[in-house]
Amino acid sequence: MKQKDLLIISLTIFLTVIAWVMLELKSIREQTPTDTQIESYSLDYNVDTKILKVLEEKKP
């Protein structure tokens, strides 16, 4: 092979890899949810004091 042929093959492989990486990054970015897509919810909890009193009365 001539040096020109090797250069063309090398450039083709290099550009193919660059295009592949760019497409993968684009697909990852599209799949990652943004802040507005993430659902947030509040945590509401109730503490049952009767259970705490029962636990205090128990002896180890």
C-alpha atoms as a PDB file:
ATOM      1  CA  MET A   1       0.000   0.000   0.000  1.00  0.00           C
ATOM      2  CA  LYS A   2       1.070   3.485  -0.633  1.00  0.00           C
ATOM      3  CA  GLN A   3       1.294   6.130   2.018  1.00  0.00           C
ATOM      4  CA  LYS A   4      -1.686   7.968   0.514  1.00  0.00           C
ATOM      5  CA  ASP A   5      -3.858   4.849   0.810  1.00  0.00           C
ATOM      6  CA  LEU A   6      -2.899   4.427   4.464  1.00  0.00           C
ATOM      7  CA  LEU A   7      -3.748   8.066   5.130  1.00  0.00           C
ATOM      8  CA  ILE A   8      -7.194   7.687   3.551  1.00  0.00           C
ATOM      9  CA  ILE A   9      -7.910   4.497   5.513  1.00  0.00           C
ATOM     10  CA  SER A  10      -6.700   6.090   8.756  1.00  0.00           C
ATOM     11  CA  LEU A  11      -8.817   9.204   8.237  1.00  0.00           C
ATOM     12  CA  THR A  12     -11.877   7.106   7.414  1.00  0.00           C
ATOM     13  CA  ILE A  13     -11.487   5.037  10.576  1.00  0.00           C
ATOM     14  CA  PHE A  14     -10.822   8.140  12.682  1.00  0.00           C
ATOM     15  CA  LEU A  15     -13.880   9.982  11.364  1.00  0.00           C
ATOM     16  CA  THR A  16     -16.037   6.873  11.840  1.00  0.00           C
ATOM     17  CA  VAL A  17     -14.980   6.588  15.479  1.00  0.00           C
ATOM     18  CA  ILE A  18     -15.584  10.310  16.067  1.00  0.00           C
ATOM     19  CA  ALA A  19     -19.077  10.064  14.524  1.00  0.00           C
ATOM     20  CA  TRP A  20     -19.826   6.973  16.616  1.00  0.00           C
ATOM     21  CA  VAL A  21     -18.813   8.707  19.851  1.00  0.00           C
ATOM     22  CA  MET A  22     -20.835  11.815  18.996  1.00  0.00           C
ATOM     23  CA  LEU A  23     -23.962   9.750  18.277  1.00  0.00           C
ATOM     24  CA  GLU A  24     -23.549   7.833  21.547  1.00  0.00           C
ATOM     25  CA  LEU A  25     -23.200  11.080  23.507  1.00  0.00           C
ATOM     26  CA  LYS A  26     -26.302  12.467  21.800  1.00  0.00           C
ATOM     27  CA  SER A  27     -28.369   9.389  22.663  1.00  0.00           C
ATOM     28  CA  ILE A  28     -27.167   9.438  26.272  1.00  0.00           C
ATOM     29  CA  ARG A  29     -28.073  13.101  26.573  1.00  0.00           C
ATOM     30  CA  GLU A  30     -31.571  12.443  25.205  1.00  0.00           C
ATOM     31  CA  GLN A  31     -32.137   9.583  27.664  1.00  0.00           C
ATOM     32  CA  THR A  32     -30.999  11.541  30.733  1.00  0.00           C
ATOM     33  CA  PRO A  33     -33.966  13.269  32.410  1.00  0.00           C
ATOM     34  CA  THR A  34     -33.795  16.987  33.064  1.00  0.00           C
ATOM     35  CA  ASP A  35     -34.766  18.672  36.325  1.00  0.00           C
ATOM     36  CA  THR A  36     -38.275  19.380  35.052  1.00  0.00           C
ATOM     37  CA  GLN A  37     -38.813  15.722  34.094  1.00  0.00           C
ATOM     38  CA  ILE A  38     -37.816  14.391  37.513  1.00  0.00           C
ATOM     39  CA  GLU A  39     -40.844  14.074  39.747  1.00  0.00           C
ATOM     40  CA  SER A  40     -40.403  15.419  43.222  1.00  0.00           C
ATOM     41  CA  TYR A  41     -42.674  14.619  46.106  1.00  0.00           C
ATOM     42  CA  SER A  42     -42.855  15.615  49.726  1.00  0.00           C
ATOM     43  CA  LEU A  43     -42.299  13.164  52.525  1.00  0.00           C
ATOM     44  CA  ASP A  44     -45.205  13.160  54.947  1.00  0.00           C
ATOM     45  CA  TYR A  45     -44.846  10.904  57.934  1.00  0.00           C
ATOM     46  CA  ASN A  46     -46.577  10.402  61.246  1.00  0.00           C
ATOM     47  CA  VAL A  47     -44.932   9.125  64.387  1.00  0.00           C
ATOM     48  CA  ASP A  48     -47.096   6.827  66.471  1.00  0.00           C
ATOM     49  CA  THR A  49     -46.311   7.773  70.068  1.00  0.00           C
ATOM     50  CA  LYS A  50     -48.134   4.738  71.465  1.00  0.00           C
ATOM     51  CA  ILE A  51     -45.479   2.463  70.023  1.00  0.00           C
ATOM     52  CA  LEU A  52     -42.743   4.614  71.534  1.00  0.00           C
ATOM     53  CA  LYS A  53     -44.364   4.380  74.958  1.00  0.00           C
ATOM     54  CA  VAL A  54     -44.650   0.593  74.677  1.00  0.00           C
ATOM     55  CA  LEU A  55     -40.985   0.383  73.765  1.00  0.00           C
ATOM     56  CA  GLU A  56     -40.006   2.572  76.720  1.00  0.00           C
ATOM     57  CA  GLU A  57     -41.911   0.326  79.100  1.00  0.00           C
ATOM     58  CA  LYS A  58     -40.160  -2.831  77.923  1.00  0.00           C
ATOM     59  CA  LYS A  59     -37.162  -3.934  79.883  1.00  0.00           C
ATOM     60  CA  PRO A  60     -34.184  -5.498  78.109  1.00  0.00           C
END
